[in-house]
Amino acid sequence: MISVAVSVQKKGSSKRYEEALEGLERFGALLEKYIRAVQNHEYMAKFALESNDPFIATSRRHNDHIFFETALLNEGLDLEDLLPSDLTLTSDQPSAKPSVAPPDGETEGELRQREWIERLLKASIPAGPWESGNQSSLKSATGLINTRTTSAKLAFWERVGAAVIGGAFLIGPMWILALKRDLFVHLGVATACVTAFGLSLSFYLKTVEGVFAATLAYAAVIMVFVGIVIEETGSKGS
């Protein structure tokens, strides 16, 4: 895209307007693709740390497991066909032979099977919880994307949670500052609450400006109570 922009600038400076217009059209189409790619990247990054990332297929989700088995069946493959070569159990490979002598009561085949499972666990990342697909289970099958009703419920409870947390950050310090009329207690409570409020916002807000503005607004409200105590303490001292 940078090379196209430089080419358009060169053609425009040489007064070859037809070529410049053609270059601008090419640059506009390329810029549109770039903007769409950035938007798609931001949308995918939003799910990067979520447990229900729709851009990752994992066997712990019941539906993804069914799709994966169906794809293997359609291609005539088995799970072992997708494993690294050192994890297969074919007899013609040196890695399939036991590395140690079988212990008492265990056959050579059982030892090979156990070593294969141990190598498989080292090559994979076990994760859970696993969905069973049973409606009575605590972890039944879920859809790839939440339905409109589920999304509305989640958004509602997120708003309720935000209201409870925001109210606690105001009502809690208000009770403490009103009942305990001590300057050092007020300063300590104000410092702790403003710090905790700012750290909490950093987990939910995406911009530094938003965290900074909300923290300043909350600090201004808390300092009203502290200012009343400072005024009372100063008037008593005089």
C-alpha atoms as a PDB file:
ATOM      1  CA  MET A   1       0.000   0.000   0.000  1.00  0.00           C
ATOM      2  CA  ILE A   2       2.905   2.337   0.742  1.00  0.00           C
ATOM      3  CA  SER A   3       4.456   1.643  -2.651  1.00  0.00           C
ATOM      4  CA  VAL A   4       1.123   2.421  -4.362  1.00  0.00           C
ATOM      5  CA  ALA A   5       0.834   5.697  -2.443  1.00  0.00           C
ATOM      6  CA  VAL A   6       4.359   6.711  -3.458  1.00  0.00           C
ATOM      7  CA  SER A   7       3.587   5.824  -7.077  1.00  0.00           C
ATOM      8  CA  VAL A   8       0.415   7.944  -7.012  1.00  0.00           C
ATOM      9  CA  GLN A   9       2.319  10.864  -5.515  1.00  0.00           C
ATOM     10  CA  LYS A  10       4.999  10.583  -8.212  1.00  0.00           C
ATOM     11  CA  LYS A  11       2.453  10.503 -11.016  1.00  0.00           C
ATOM     12  CA  GLY A  12       0.532  13.425  -9.500  1.00  0.00           C
ATOM     13  CA  SER A  13       3.635  15.592  -9.214  1.00  0.00           C
ATOM     14  CA  SER A  14       4.509  15.008 -12.871  1.00  0.00           C
ATOM     15  CA  LYS A  15       1.070  16.329 -13.947  1.00  0.00           C
ATOM     16  CA  ARG A  16       0.054  13.078 -15.622  1.00  0.00           C
ATOM     17  CA  TYR A  17      -3.492  13.405 -14.344  1.00  0.00           C
ATOM     18  CA  GLU A  18      -4.994  10.362 -16.093  1.00  0.00           C
ATOM     19  CA  GLU A  19      -2.365   8.095 -14.589  1.00  0.00           C
ATOM     20  CA  ALA A  20      -2.767   9.847 -11.227  1.00  0.00           C
ATOM     21  CA  LEU A  21      -6.540   9.235 -11.235  1.00  0.00           C
ATOM     22  CA  GLU A  22      -5.997   5.597 -12.135  1.00  0.00           C
ATOM     23  CA  GLY A  23      -3.503   5.313  -9.305  1.00  0.00           C
ATOM     24  CA  LEU A  24      -5.936   6.923  -6.860  1.00  0.00           C
ATOM     25  CA  GLU A  25      -8.625   4.405  -7.767  1.00  0.00           C
ATOM     26  CA  ARG A  26      -6.156   1.593  -7.228  1.00  0.00           C
ATOM     27  CA  PHE A  27      -5.047   3.104  -3.924  1.00  0.00           C
ATOM     28  CA  GLY A  28      -8.680   3.545  -2.786  1.00  0.00           C
ATOM     29  CA  ALA A  29      -9.509  -0.115  -3.434  1.00  0.00           C
ATOM     30  CA  LEU A  30      -6.354  -1.217  -1.628  1.00  0.00           C
ATOM     31  CA  LEU A  31      -7.078   1.095   1.300  1.00  0.00           C
ATOM     32  CA  GLU A  32     -10.589  -0.333   1.590  1.00  0.00           C
ATOM     33  CA  LYS A  33      -9.167  -3.865   1.841  1.00  0.00           C
ATOM     34  CA  TYR A  34      -6.647  -2.694   4.448  1.00  0.00           C
ATOM     35  CA  ILE A  35      -9.365  -1.077   6.604  1.00  0.00           C
ATOM     36  CA  ARG A  36     -11.486  -4.219   6.408  1.00  0.00           C
ATOM     37  CA  ALA A  37      -8.486  -6.335   7.424  1.00  0.00           C
ATOM     38  CA  VAL A  38      -7.781  -4.098  10.436  1.00  0.00           C
ATOM     39  CA  GLN A  39     -11.429  -4.251  11.504  1.00  0.00           C
ATOM     40  CA  ASN A  40     -11.429  -8.042  11.192  1.00  0.00           C
ATOM     41  CA  HIS A  41      -8.227  -8.228  13.222  1.00  0.00           C
ATOM     42  CA  GLU A  42      -9.685  -6.084  16.003  1.00  0.00           C
ATOM     43  CA  TYR A  43     -12.830  -8.231  16.038  1.00  0.00           C
ATOM     44  CA  MET A  44     -10.799 -11.436  16.310  1.00  0.00           C
ATOM     45  CA  ALA A  45      -8.531  -9.963  18.996  1.00  0.00           C
ATOM     46  CA  LYS A  46     -11.620  -9.203  21.113  1.00  0.00           C
ATOM     47  CA  PHE A  47     -12.116 -12.968  21.592  1.00  0.00           C
ATOM     48  CA  ALA A  48      -8.429 -13.791  22.075  1.00  0.00           C
ATOM     49  CA  LEU A  49      -8.642 -14.354  25.841  1.00  0.00           C
ATOM     50  CA  GLU A  50     -12.238 -15.568  25.978  1.00  0.00           C
ATOM     51  CA  SER A  51     -13.118 -19.179  26.768  1.00  0.00           C
ATOM     52  CA  ASN A  52     -15.666 -19.306  23.924  1.00  0.00           C
ATOM     53  CA  ASP A  53     -13.381 -18.048  21.156  1.00  0.00           C
ATOM     54  CA  PRO A  54     -15.347 -18.767  17.926  1.00  0.00           C
ATOM     55  CA  PHE A  55     -12.137 -18.707  15.861  1.00  0.00           C
ATOM     56  CA  ILE A  56     -10.639 -21.749  17.629  1.00  0.00           C
ATOM     57  CA  ALA A  57     -11.948 -25.286  17.107  1.00  0.00           C
ATOM     58  CA  THR A  58     -11.287 -27.468  20.145  1.00  0.00           C
ATOM     59  CA  SER A  59     -12.416 -30.972  21.064  1.00  0.00           C
ATOM     60  CA  ARG A  60     -13.482 -29.873  24.538  1.00  0.00           C
ATOM     61  CA  ARG A  61     -16.552 -28.330  22.845  1.00  0.00           C
ATOM     62  CA  HIS A  62     -19.024 -31.070  21.978  1.00  0.00           C
ATOM     63  CA  ASN A  63     -20.067 -29.625  18.602  1.00  0.00           C
ATOM     64  CA  ASP A  64     -16.483 -29.018  17.484  1.00  0.00           C
ATOM     65  CA  HIS A  65     -15.630 -32.619  18.409  1.00  0.00           C
ATOM     66  CA  ILE A  66     -18.468 -33.916  16.208  1.00  0.00           C
ATOM     67  CA  PHE A  67     -17.385 -31.711  13.287  1.00  0.00           C
ATOM     68  CA  PHE A  68     -13.783 -32.888  13.678  1.00  0.00           C
ATOM     69  CA  GLU A  69     -14.750 -36.575  13.641  1.00  0.00           C
ATOM     70  CA  THR A  70     -17.015 -35.987  10.629  1.00  0.00           C
ATOM     71  CA  ALA A  71     -14.193 -34.269   8.737  1.00  0.00           C
ATOM     72  CA  LEU A  72     -11.838 -37.179   9.493  1.00  0.00           C
ATOM     73  CA  LEU A  73     -14.477 -39.666   8.294  1.00  0.00           C
ATOM     74  CA  ASN A  74     -15.075 -37.745   5.069  1.00  0.00           C
ATOM     75  CA  GLU A  75     -11.341 -37.717   4.316  1.00  0.00           C
ATOM     76  CA  GLY A  76     -10.878 -41.373   5.270  1.00  0.00           C
ATOM     77  CA  LEU A  77      -8.451 -40.485   8.046  1.00  0.00           C
ATOM     78  CA  ASP A  78      -7.950 -41.582  11.611  1.00  0.00           C
ATOM     79  CA  LEU A  79      -6.731 -39.592  14.593  1.00  0.00           C
ATOM     80  CA  GLU A  80      -3.317 -41.286  14.445  1.00  0.00           C
ATOM     81  CA  ASP A  81      -2.862 -40.040  10.871  1.00  0.00           C
ATOM     82  CA  LEU A  82      -2.653 -36.475  12.210  1.00  0.00           C
ATOM     83  CA  LEU A  83      -0.181 -37.217  15.010  1.00  0.00           C
ATOM     84  CA  PRO A  84       3.596 -36.675  14.725  1.00  0.00           C
ATOM     85  CA  SER A  85       5.592 -39.621  13.427  1.00  0.00           C
ATOM     86  CA  ASP A  86       7.154 -40.356  16.824  1.00  0.00           C
ATOM     87  CA  LEU A  87       3.670 -40.889  18.309  1.00  0.00           C
ATOM     88  CA  THR A  88       2.492 -43.604  15.944  1.00  0.00           C
ATOM     89  CA  LEU A  89       2.331 -47.258  16.946  1.00  0.00           C
ATOM     90  CA  THR A  90       3.523 -48.869  13.708  1.00  0.00           C
ATOM     91  CA  SER A  91       5.907 -51.740  14.354  1.00  0.00           C
ATOM     92  CA  ASP A  92       8.421 -50.686  11.699  1.00  0.00           C
ATOM     93  CA  GLN A  93       9.407 -47.534  13.575  1.00  0.00           C
ATOM     94  CA  PRO A  94      12.129 -47.598  16.240  1.00  0.00           C
ATOM     95  CA  SER A  95      10.089 -45.271  18.446  1.00  0.00           C
ATOM     96  CA  ALA A  96       7.364 -47.891  18.670  1.00  0.00           C
ATOM     97  CA  LYS A  97       9.653 -50.284  20.539  1.00  0.00           C
ATOM     98  CA  PRO A  98       9.682 -50.052  24.333  1.00  0.00           C
ATOM     99  CA  SER A  99      12.553 -47.996  25.700  1.00  0.00           C
ATOM    100  CA  VAL A 100      12.741 -50.140  28.851  1.00  0.00           C
ATOM    101  CA  ALA A 101      11.948 -53.731  29.708  1.00  0.00           C
ATOM    102  CA  PRO A 102       8.292 -54.353  30.619  1.00  0.00           C
ATOM    103  CA  PRO A 103       7.721 -54.644  34.366  1.00  0.00           C
ATOM    104  CA  ASP A 104       6.280 -57.776  35.888  1.00  0.00           C
ATOM    105  CA  GLY A 105       2.661 -58.382  34.912  1.00  0.00           C
ATOM    106  CA  GLU A 106       2.770 -56.015  31.870  1.00  0.00           C
ATOM    107  CA  THR A 107       3.160 -57.183  28.302  1.00  0.00           C
ATOM    108  CA  GLU A 108       5.291 -55.489  25.692  1.00  0.00           C
ATOM    109  CA  GLY A 109       2.195 -54.211  23.899  1.00  0.00           C
ATOM    110  CA  GLU A 110       0.805 -52.647  27.079  1.00  0.00           C
ATOM    111  CA  LEU A 111       4.147 -50.977  27.757  1.00  0.00           C
ATOM    112  CA  ARG A 112       4.209 -49.546  24.209  1.00  0.00           C
ATOM    113  CA  GLN A 113       0.654 -48.313  24.678  1.00  0.00           C
ATOM    114  CA  ARG A 114       1.520 -46.627  27.989  1.00  0.00           C
ATOM    115  CA  GLU A 115       4.626 -44.948  26.548  1.00  0.00           C
ATOM    116  CA  TRP A 116       2.595 -43.753  23.564  1.00  0.00           C
ATOM    117  CA  ILE A 117       0.008 -42.175  25.882  1.00  0.00           C
ATOM    118  CA  GLU A 118       2.764 -40.466  27.884  1.00  0.00           C
ATOM    119  CA  ARG A 119       4.327 -39.020  24.713  1.00  0.00           C
ATOM    120  CA  LEU A 120       0.895 -37.935  23.511  1.00  0.00           C
ATOM    121  CA  LEU A 121       0.227 -36.076  26.777  1.00  0.00           C
ATOM    122  CA  LYS A 122       3.598 -34.297  26.489  1.00  0.00           C
ATOM    123  CA  ALA A 123       2.801 -33.233  22.908  1.00  0.00           C
ATOM    124  CA  SER A 124      -0.680 -31.937  23.741  1.00  0.00           C
ATOM    125  CA  ILE A 125      -2.107 -29.324  26.098  1.00  0.00           C
ATOM    126  CA  PRO A 126      -4.900 -30.856  28.182  1.00  0.00           C
ATOM    127  CA  ALA A 127      -7.641 -28.333  28.827  1.00  0.00           C
ATOM    128  CA  GLY A 128     -11.148 -28.393  30.203  1.00  0.00           C
ATOM    129  CA  PRO A 129     -13.879 -28.502  31.189  1.00  0.00           C
ATOM    130  CA  TRP A 130     -15.077 -30.863  28.459  1.00  0.00           C
ATOM    131  CA  GLU A 131     -18.623 -30.643  27.145  1.00  0.00           C
ATOM    132  CA  SER A 132     -20.546 -33.898  27.225  1.00  0.00           C
ATOM    133  CA  GLY A 133     -23.497 -32.878  25.057  1.00  0.00           C
ATOM    134  CA  ASN A 134     -25.893 -34.165  27.716  1.00  0.00           C
ATOM    135  CA  GLN A 135     -28.521 -31.581  28.680  1.00  0.00           C
ATOM    136  CA  SER A 136     -28.500 -32.807  32.281  1.00  0.00           C
ATOM    137  CA  SER A 137     -24.756 -32.295  32.558  1.00  0.00           C
ATOM    138  CA  LEU A 138     -23.255 -29.189  34.128  1.00  0.00           C
ATOM    139  CA  LYS A 139     -21.293 -28.631  30.918  1.00  0.00           C
ATOM    140  CA  SER A 140     -23.721 -29.427  28.119  1.00  0.00           C
ATOM    141  CA  ALA A 141     -23.133 -28.554  24.487  1.00  0.00           C
ATOM    142  CA  THR A 142     -23.156 -24.850  23.637  1.00  0.00           C
ATOM    143  CA  GLY A 143     -23.371 -23.013  20.346  1.00  0.00           C
ATOM    144  CA  LEU A 144     -20.436 -21.350  18.652  1.00  0.00           C
ATOM    145  CA  ILE A 145     -22.066 -17.922  18.993  1.00  0.00           C
ATOM    146  CA  ASN A 146     -24.520 -16.907  21.701  1.00  0.00           C
ATOM    147  CA  THR A 147     -28.146 -16.517  20.672  1.00  0.00           C
ATOM    148  CA  ARG A 148     -29.832 -13.123  20.833  1.00  0.00           C
ATOM    149  CA  THR A 149     -31.627 -14.057  24.079  1.00  0.00           C
ATOM    150  CA  THR A 150     -28.425 -15.292  25.714  1.00  0.00           C
ATOM    151  CA  SER A 151     -26.506 -12.200  24.649  1.00  0.00           C
ATOM    152  CA  ALA A 152     -29.279  -9.955  26.019  1.00  0.00           C
ATOM    153  CA  LYS A 153     -29.223 -11.787  29.356  1.00  0.00           C
ATOM    154  CA  LEU A 154     -25.437 -11.562  29.603  1.00  0.00           C
ATOM    155  CA  ALA A 155     -25.522  -7.849  28.788  1.00  0.00           C
ATOM    156  CA  PHE A 156     -28.244  -7.287  31.413  1.00  0.00           C
ATOM    157  CA  TRP A 157     -26.325  -9.026  34.184  1.00  0.00           C
ATOM    158  CA  GLU A 158     -23.148  -7.203  33.175  1.00  0.00           C
ATOM    159  CA  ARG A 159     -25.004  -3.912  33.648  1.00  0.00           C
ATOM    160  CA  VAL A 160     -26.368  -5.103  36.994  1.00  0.00           C
ATOM    161  CA  GLY A 161     -22.872  -6.079  38.099  1.00  0.00           C
ATOM    162  CA  ALA A 162     -21.491  -2.718  37.024  1.00  0.00           C
ATOM    163  CA  ALA A 163     -24.247  -0.929  38.987  1.00  0.00           C
ATOM    164  CA  VAL A 164     -23.522  -2.982  42.126  1.00  0.00           C
ATOM    165  CA  ILE A 165     -19.774  -2.413  41.924  1.00  0.00           C
ATOM    166  CA  GLY A 166     -20.171   1.303  41.185  1.00  0.00           C
ATOM    167  CA  GLY A 167     -22.624   1.710  44.049  1.00  0.00           C
ATOM    168  CA  ALA A 168     -20.316  -0.149  46.428  1.00  0.00           C
ATOM    169  CA  PHE A 169     -17.426   2.157  45.534  1.00  0.00           C
ATOM    170  CA  LEU A 170     -19.573   5.161  46.522  1.00  0.00           C
ATOM    171  CA  ILE A 171     -21.769   3.876  49.358  1.00  0.00           C
ATOM    172  CA  GLY A 172     -18.954   2.045  51.175  1.00  0.00           C
ATOM    173  CA  PRO A 173     -16.600   5.036  51.517  1.00  0.00           C
ATOM    174  CA  MET A 174     -19.578   7.311  52.283  1.00  0.00           C
ATOM    175  CA  TRP A 175     -20.508   5.247  55.365  1.00  0.00           C
ATOM    176  CA  ILE A 176     -16.911   5.008  56.565  1.00  0.00           C
ATOM    177  CA  LEU A 177     -16.176   8.699  56.077  1.00  0.00           C
ATOM    178  CA  ALA A 178     -19.459   9.740  57.693  1.00  0.00           C
ATOM    179  CA  LEU A 179     -19.125   7.551  60.794  1.00  0.00           C
ATOM    180  CA  LYS A 180     -15.395   7.932  61.396  1.00  0.00           C
ATOM    181  CA  ARG A 181     -14.599  11.642  61.656  1.00  0.00           C
ATOM    182  CA  ASP A 182     -10.844  11.381  61.531  1.00  0.00           C
ATOM    183  CA  LEU A 183      -8.625  13.087  58.980  1.00  0.00           C
ATOM    184  CA  PHE A 184      -6.051  10.284  58.619  1.00  0.00           C
ATOM    185  CA  VAL A 185      -8.780   7.652  58.286  1.00  0.00           C
ATOM    186  CA  HIS A 186     -10.436   9.723  55.546  1.00  0.00           C
ATOM    187  CA  LEU A 187      -7.177  10.170  53.661  1.00  0.00           C
ATOM    188  CA  GLY A 188      -6.397   6.446  53.874  1.00  0.00           C
ATOM    189  CA  VAL A 189      -9.879   5.419  52.724  1.00  0.00           C
ATOM    190  CA  ALA A 190      -9.800   7.916  49.858  1.00  0.00           C
ATOM    191  CA  THR A 191      -6.366   6.723  48.722  1.00  0.00           C
ATOM    192  CA  ALA A 192      -7.349   3.036  48.854  1.00  0.00           C
ATOM    193  CA  CYS A 193     -10.707   3.509  47.128  1.00  0.00           C
ATOM    194  CA  VAL A 194      -9.375   5.681  44.314  1.00  0.00           C
ATOM    195  CA  THR A 195      -6.523   3.227  43.689  1.00  0.00           C
ATOM    196  CA  ALA A 196      -8.865   0.211  43.671  1.00  0.00           C
ATOM    197  CA  PHE A 197     -11.349   2.027  41.426  1.00  0.00           C
ATOM    198  CA  GLY A 198      -8.664   2.947  38.897  1.00  0.00           C
ATOM    199  CA  LEU A 199      -7.275  -0.587  38.806  1.00  0.00           C
ATOM    200  CA  SER A 200     -10.769  -2.024  38.342  1.00  0.00           C
ATOM    201  CA  LEU A 201     -11.451   0.291  35.412  1.00  0.00           C
ATOM    202  CA  SER A 202      -8.210  -0.754  33.715  1.00  0.00           C
ATOM    203  CA  PHE A 203      -9.670  -4.271  33.275  1.00  0.00           C
ATOM    204  CA  TYR A 204     -12.871  -3.076  31.590  1.00  0.00           C
ATOM    205  CA  LEU A 205     -12.015   0.104  29.669  1.00  0.00           C
ATOM    206  CA  LYS A 206      -9.858  -0.137  26.563  1.00  0.00           C
ATOM    207  CA  THR A 207      -8.480   3.416  26.426  1.00  0.00           C
ATOM    208  CA  VAL A 208      -6.152   5.265  28.765  1.00  0.00           C
ATOM    209  CA  GLU A 209      -8.230   8.426  28.415  1.00  0.00           C
ATOM    210  CA  GLY A 210     -11.353   6.639  29.666  1.00  0.00           C
ATOM    211  CA  VAL A 211      -9.598   5.204  32.716  1.00  0.00           C
ATOM    212  CA  PHE A 212      -7.979   8.550  33.513  1.00  0.00           C
ATOM    213  CA  ALA A 213     -11.207  10.568  33.207  1.00  0.00           C
ATOM    214  CA  ALA A 214     -13.334   8.119  35.225  1.00  0.00           C
ATOM    215  CA  THR A 215     -10.718   7.867  37.975  1.00  0.00           C
ATOM    216  CA  LEU A 216     -10.472  11.650  38.257  1.00  0.00           C
ATOM    217  CA  ALA A 217     -14.259  11.964  38.463  1.00  0.00           C
ATOM    218  CA  TYR A 218     -14.438   9.348  41.216  1.00  0.00           C
ATOM    219  CA  ALA A 219     -11.563  10.972  43.104  1.00  0.00           C
ATOM    220  CA  ALA A 220     -13.362  14.335  42.954  1.00  0.00           C
ATOM    221  CA  VAL A 221     -16.467  12.806  44.548  1.00  0.00           C
ATOM    222  CA  ILE A 222     -14.457  11.158  47.338  1.00  0.00           C
ATOM    223  CA  MET A 223     -12.500  14.329  48.030  1.00  0.00           C
ATOM    224  CA  VAL A 224     -15.762  16.150  48.760  1.00  0.00           C
ATOM    225  CA  PHE A 225     -16.163  14.050  51.920  1.00  0.00           C
ATOM    226  CA  VAL A 226     -12.507  14.521  52.847  1.00  0.00           C
ATOM    227  CA  GLY A 227     -12.803  18.253  52.314  1.00  0.00           C
ATOM    228  CA  ILE A 228     -15.732  18.433  54.752  1.00  0.00           C
ATOM    229  CA  VAL A 229     -13.652  16.759  57.457  1.00  0.00           C
ATOM    230  CA  ILE A 230     -10.684  19.038  56.764  1.00  0.00           C
ATOM    231  CA  GLU A 231     -12.979  22.048  57.053  1.00  0.00           C
ATOM    232  CA  GLU A 232     -14.470  20.794  60.323  1.00  0.00           C
ATOM    233  CA  THR A 233     -11.044  19.954  61.758  1.00  0.00           C
ATOM    234  CA  GLY A 234      -9.695  23.342  60.790  1.00  0.00           C
ATOM    235  CA  SER A 235     -12.660  25.209  62.307  1.00  0.00           C
ATOM    236  CA  LYS A 236     -12.358  23.322  65.602  1.00  0.00           C
ATOM    237  CA  GLY A 237      -8.654  23.981  65.767  1.00  0.00           C
ATOM    238  CA  SER A 238      -9.144  27.727  65.385  1.00  0.00           C
END
